[in-house]
C-alpha atoms as a PDB file:
ATOM      1  CA  MET A   1     148.085 217.378  13.961  1.00  0.00           C
ATOM      2  CA  GLY A   2     147.002 213.875  15.182  1.00  0.00           C
ATOM      3  CA  MET A   3     143.535 212.791  16.305  1.00  0.00           C
ATOM      4  CA  GLY A   4     142.657 214.913  19.286  1.00  0.00           C
ATOM      5  CA  SER A   5     144.723 217.768  20.700  1.00  0.00           C
ATOM      6  CA  ALA A   6     144.430 219.868  23.850  1.00  0.00           C
ATOM      7  CA  THR A   7     145.254 223.023  21.828  1.00  0.00           C
ATOM      8  CA  ALA A   8     143.465 224.591  18.930  1.00  0.00           C
ATOM      9  CA  GLU A   9     145.203 224.665  15.557  1.00  0.00           C
ATOM     10  CA  ALA A  10     144.083 225.968  12.191  1.00  0.00           C
ATOM     11  CA  GLY A  11     141.315 223.781  10.808  1.00  0.00           C
ATOM     12  CA  ALA A  12     140.538 222.223  14.183  1.00  0.00           C
ATOM     13  CA  VAL A  13     137.154 222.085  15.851  1.00  0.00           C
ATOM     14  CA  ALA A  14     136.445 221.901  19.588  1.00  0.00           C
ATOM     15  CA  VAL A  15     134.703 218.800  20.980  1.00  0.00           C
ATOM     16  CA  ASN A  16     133.284 219.077  24.493  1.00  0.00           C
ATOM     17  CA  MET A  17     134.261 216.112  26.682  1.00  0.00           C
ATOM     18  CA  TYR A  18     131.857 215.115  29.484  1.00  0.00           C
ATOM     19  CA  ASP A  19     132.349 212.816  32.471  1.00  0.00           C
ATOM     20  CA  VAL A  20     128.656 212.080  33.039  1.00  0.00           C
ATOM     21  CA  GLU A  21     128.924 209.658  35.948  1.00  0.00           C
ATOM     22  CA  GLY A  22     126.550 210.942  38.583  1.00  0.00           C
ATOM     23  CA  ALA A  23     125.140 213.299  36.047  1.00  0.00           C
ATOM     24  CA  ALA A  24     123.207 216.191  37.419  1.00  0.00           C
ATOM     25  CA  GLY A  25     121.167 216.926  34.340  1.00  0.00           C
ATOM     26  CA  ASP A  26     117.937 215.307  33.147  1.00  0.00           C
ATOM     27  CA  GLY A  27     119.873 212.844  31.060  1.00  0.00           C
ATOM     28  CA  ARG A  28     118.313 213.797  27.824  1.00  0.00           C
ATOM     29  CA  SER A  29     120.847 216.352  26.796  1.00  0.00           C
ATOM     30  CA  LEU A  30     124.553 216.734  27.385  1.00  0.00           C
ATOM     31  CA  ASP A  31     124.190 220.520  27.006  1.00  0.00           C
ATOM     32  CA  GLU A  32     123.312 220.933  30.758  1.00  0.00           C
ATOM     33  CA  GLU A  33     126.264 218.783  31.985  1.00  0.00           C
ATOM     34  CA  ARG A  34     129.542 220.018  33.235  1.00  0.00           C
ATOM     35  CA  ILE A  35     132.278 219.960  30.560  1.00  0.00           C
ATOM     36  CA  GLU A  36     135.285 218.037  31.830  1.00  0.00           C
ATOM     37  CA  GLY A  37     137.471 219.468  29.070  1.00  0.00           C
ATOM     38  CA  VAL A  38     137.812 220.223  25.356  1.00  0.00           C
ATOM     39  CA  LEU A  39     139.771 218.355  22.735  1.00  0.00           C
ATOM     40  CA  TYR A  40     140.362 219.743  19.260  1.00  0.00           C
ATOM     41  CA  PHE A  41     140.155 217.503  16.192  1.00  0.00           C
ATOM     42  CA  PRO A  42     140.911 218.308  12.534  1.00  0.00           C
ATOM     43  CA  GLU A  43     137.616 219.110  10.904  1.00  0.00           C
ATOM     44  CA  ALA A  44     138.772 217.267   7.734  1.00  0.00           C
ATOM     45  CA  GLN A  45     139.496 214.128   9.817  1.00  0.00           C
ATOM     46  CA  LEU A  46     136.063 214.219  11.440  1.00  0.00           C
ATOM     47  CA  ASN A  47     134.412 214.843   8.068  1.00  0.00           C
ATOM     48  CA  ALA A  48     136.351 211.791   6.655  1.00  0.00           C
ATOM     49  CA  LEU A  49     134.817 209.698   9.429  1.00  0.00           C
ATOM     50  CA  GLY A  50     131.386 211.002   8.549  1.00  0.00           C
ATOM     51  CA  LEU A  51     131.052 213.072  11.723  1.00  0.00           C
ATOM     52  CA  SER A  52     129.504 216.455  11.844  1.00  0.00           C
ATOM     53  CA  PRO A  53     131.587 218.545  14.297  1.00  0.00           C
ATOM     54  CA  GLU A  54     128.584 220.220  15.775  1.00  0.00           C
ATOM     55  CA  ARG A  55     126.912 216.923  16.619  1.00  0.00           C
ATOM     56  CA  ILE A  56     129.640 215.081  18.470  1.00  0.00           C
ATOM     57  CA  ALA A  57     130.562 214.906  22.090  1.00  0.00           C
ATOM     58  CA  GLY A  58     133.064 213.064  24.101  1.00  0.00           C
ATOM     59  CA  ILE A  59     131.924 210.769  26.934  1.00  0.00           C
ATOM     60  CA  LYS A  60     134.107 209.122  29.559  1.00  0.00           C
ATOM     61  CA  VAL A  61     133.456 205.365  29.873  1.00  0.00           C
ATOM     62  CA  ARG A  62     132.725 204.132  33.402  1.00  0.00           C
ATOM     63  CA  GLY A  63     132.846 200.532  34.511  1.00  0.00           C
ATOM     64  CA  ASP A  64     133.978 197.315  32.862  1.00  0.00           C
ATOM     65  CA  SER A  65     130.732 196.140  31.171  1.00  0.00           C
ATOM     66  CA  MET A  66     132.042 197.018  27.648  1.00  0.00           C
ATOM     67  CA  GLU A  67     135.526 195.488  27.972  1.00  0.00           C
ATOM     68  CA  GLU A  68     137.300 194.397  25.637  1.00  0.00           C
ATOM     69  CA  THR A  69     135.856 197.016  23.405  1.00  0.00           C
ATOM     70  CA  LEU A  70     135.895 199.961  25.859  1.00  0.00           C
ATOM     71  CA  ALA A  71     137.722 200.096  29.130  1.00  0.00           C
ATOM     72  CA  ASP A  72     136.937 202.067  32.299  1.00  0.00           C
ATOM     73  CA  GLY A  73     138.372 205.573  31.811  1.00  0.00           C
ATOM     74  CA  ASP A  74     138.433 205.478  28.016  1.00  0.00           C
ATOM     75  CA  TRP A  75     136.738 208.349  26.170  1.00  0.00           C
ATOM     76  CA  VAL A  76     134.440 207.811  23.236  1.00  0.00           C
ATOM     77  CA  LEU A  77     133.209 210.280  20.648  1.00  0.00           C
ATOM     78  CA  ILE A  78     129.489 209.995  20.313  1.00  0.00           C
ATOM     79  CA  ASN A  79     127.802 210.880  17.034  1.00  0.00           C
ATOM     80  CA  GLN A  80     124.566 212.477  18.310  1.00  0.00           C
ATOM     81  CA  ALA A  81     123.249 212.801  14.780  1.00  0.00           C
ATOM     82  CA  ASP A  82     123.120 208.916  14.418  1.00  0.00           C
ATOM     83  CA  THR A  83     120.447 207.472  16.679  1.00  0.00           C
ATOM     84  CA  ASP A  84     119.337 204.761  14.207  1.00  0.00           C
ATOM     85  CA  TYR A  85     119.641 201.510  16.157  1.00  0.00           C
ATOM     86  CA  ARG A  86     118.316 199.476  13.219  1.00  0.00           C
ATOM     87  CA  ARG A  87     121.989 199.315  12.111  1.00  0.00           C
ATOM     88  CA  GLU A  88     123.617 197.351  14.961  1.00  0.00           C
ATOM     89  CA  GLY A  89     126.351 199.121  16.922  1.00  0.00           C
ATOM     90  CA  VAL A  90     127.466 200.540  20.214  1.00  0.00           C
ATOM     91  CA  PHE A  91     125.355 203.453  21.483  1.00  0.00           C
ATOM     92  CA  LEU A  92     124.991 205.838  24.349  1.00  0.00           C
ATOM     93  CA  LEU A  93     121.447 205.274  25.639  1.00  0.00           C
ATOM     94  CA  LEU A  94     119.199 206.587  28.209  1.00  0.00           C
ATOM     95  CA  VAL A  95     117.340 203.709  29.926  1.00  0.00           C
ATOM     96  CA  SER A  96     114.890 204.623  32.628  1.00  0.00           C
ATOM     97  CA  GLY A  97     116.851 207.826  33.313  1.00  0.00           C
ATOM     98  CA  GLU A  98     120.253 206.191  33.487  1.00  0.00           C
ATOM     99  CA  ARG A  99     122.900 206.688  30.776  1.00  0.00           C
ATOM    100  CA  ARG A 100     124.508 203.493  29.537  1.00  0.00           C
ATOM    101  CA  ILE A 101     126.883 202.553  26.730  1.00  0.00           C
ATOM    102  CA  LYS A 102     125.808 199.214  25.221  1.00  0.00           C
ATOM    103  CA  ARG A 103     125.924 197.218  22.026  1.00  0.00           C
ATOM    104  CA  VAL A 104     122.380 197.358  20.644  1.00  0.00           C
ATOM    105  CA  GLN A 105     120.527 194.857  18.439  1.00  0.00           C
ATOM    106  CA  ARG A 106     116.980 195.270  17.278  1.00  0.00           C
ATOM    107  CA  LEU A 107     114.917 192.128  17.633  1.00  0.00           C
ATOM    108  CA  ALA A 108     111.864 191.060  15.692  1.00  0.00           C
ATOM    109  CA  GLY A 109     108.704 192.643  17.038  1.00  0.00           C
ATOM    110  CA  GLY A 110     110.424 195.933  17.999  1.00  0.00           C
ATOM    111  CA  ALA A 111     112.329 194.788  21.093  1.00  0.00           C
ATOM    112  CA  LEU A 112     115.891 195.853  21.793  1.00  0.00           C
ATOM    113  CA  TYR A 113     118.763 193.709  23.042  1.00  0.00           C
ATOM    114  CA  LEU A 114     121.307 195.467  25.077  1.00  0.00           C
ATOM    115  CA  ILE A 115     124.663 193.658  25.153  1.00  0.00           C
ATOM    116  CA  SER A 116     127.680 194.154  27.335  1.00  0.00           C
ATOM    117  CA  ASP A 117     130.801 193.054  25.505  1.00  0.00           C
ATOM    118  CA  ASN A 118     132.130 191.710  28.930  1.00  0.00           C
ATOM    119  CA  GLU A 119     130.908 188.198  29.128  1.00  0.00           C
ATOM    120  CA  HIS A 120     130.425 188.505  32.854  1.00  0.00           C
ATOM    121  CA  TYR A 121     127.291 190.640  32.273  1.00  0.00           C
ATOM    122  CA  GLU A 122     123.997 189.199  31.014  1.00  0.00           C
ATOM    123  CA  PRO A 123     122.291 190.876  28.039  1.00  0.00           C
ATOM    124  CA  GLU A 124     119.126 192.800  28.730  1.00  0.00           C
ATOM    125  CA  MET A 125     116.047 192.736  26.569  1.00  0.00           C
ATOM    126  CA  ILE A 126     113.804 195.785  26.388  1.00  0.00           C
ATOM    127  CA  PRO A 127     110.337 194.687  25.238  1.00  0.00           C
ATOM    128  CA  PRO A 128     108.383 196.950  22.846  1.00  0.00           C
ATOM    129  CA  GLU A 129     106.021 198.033  25.583  1.00  0.00           C
ATOM    130  CA  GLN A 130     109.019 199.506  27.562  1.00  0.00           C
ATOM    131  CA  MET A 131     110.597 201.307  24.600  1.00  0.00           C
ATOM    132  CA  ARG A 132     109.226 204.657  25.874  1.00  0.00           C
ATOM    133  CA  GLU A 133     111.735 204.326  28.737  1.00  0.00           C
ATOM    134  CA  VAL A 134     114.678 204.174  26.143  1.00  0.00           C
ATOM    135  CA  GLU A 135     116.231 207.003  24.246  1.00  0.00           C
ATOM    136  CA  ILE A 136     119.171 206.561  21.891  1.00  0.00           C
ATOM    137  CA  LEU A 137     121.479 209.504  22.453  1.00  0.00           C
ATOM    138  CA  GLY A 138     124.038 208.670  19.817  1.00  0.00           C
ATOM    139  CA  ARG A 139     126.317 206.105  18.216  1.00  0.00           C
ATOM    140  CA  CYS A 140     129.769 205.506  19.713  1.00  0.00           C
ATOM    141  CA  GLU A 141     132.185 206.210  16.895  1.00  0.00           C
ATOM    142  CA  VAL A 142     135.724 206.644  18.086  1.00  0.00           C
ATOM    143  CA  ARG A 143     137.540 205.251  21.065  1.00  0.00           C
ATOM    144  CA  ILE A 144     140.304 207.267  22.770  1.00  0.00           C
ATOM    145  CA  GLY A 145     142.150 205.207  25.411  1.00  0.00           C
ATOM    146  CA  ARG A 146     145.283 203.537  26.574  1.00  0.00           C
ATOM    147  CA  ILE A 147     146.615 200.567  24.731  1.00  0.00           C
ATOM    148  CA  ALA A 148     147.079 197.666  27.164  1.00  0.00           C
END
């Protein structure tokens, strides 16, 4: 079995896939969102990637702000167990109630720098006094999408 299948096989675990554009929930949890579908992944493969099957979710990418890394319509597996933004990476965040996928850098003094990989979008700085408006929901670990 390859990476991600629509059918369950021995040794596979189900991963809920969410299209959270226009999300109806409070944004803090994916549990209340409508599940778009389920993909099955070999548990051994997820473990080899350091992913705990019960702490991952699939999210559909919307928009072009993360191109060339992530394209509109791609899916990403989010490691909800990894919310440590001190190690730079791409994260699913909640910023003022809006979910975003951005590259995150921690700046001196406790500020965050949110970077879109598409150069047409300006980076955004979240100063320390506004950090209460930001919640890291998980690290983006695996991209599932079409090869251009």
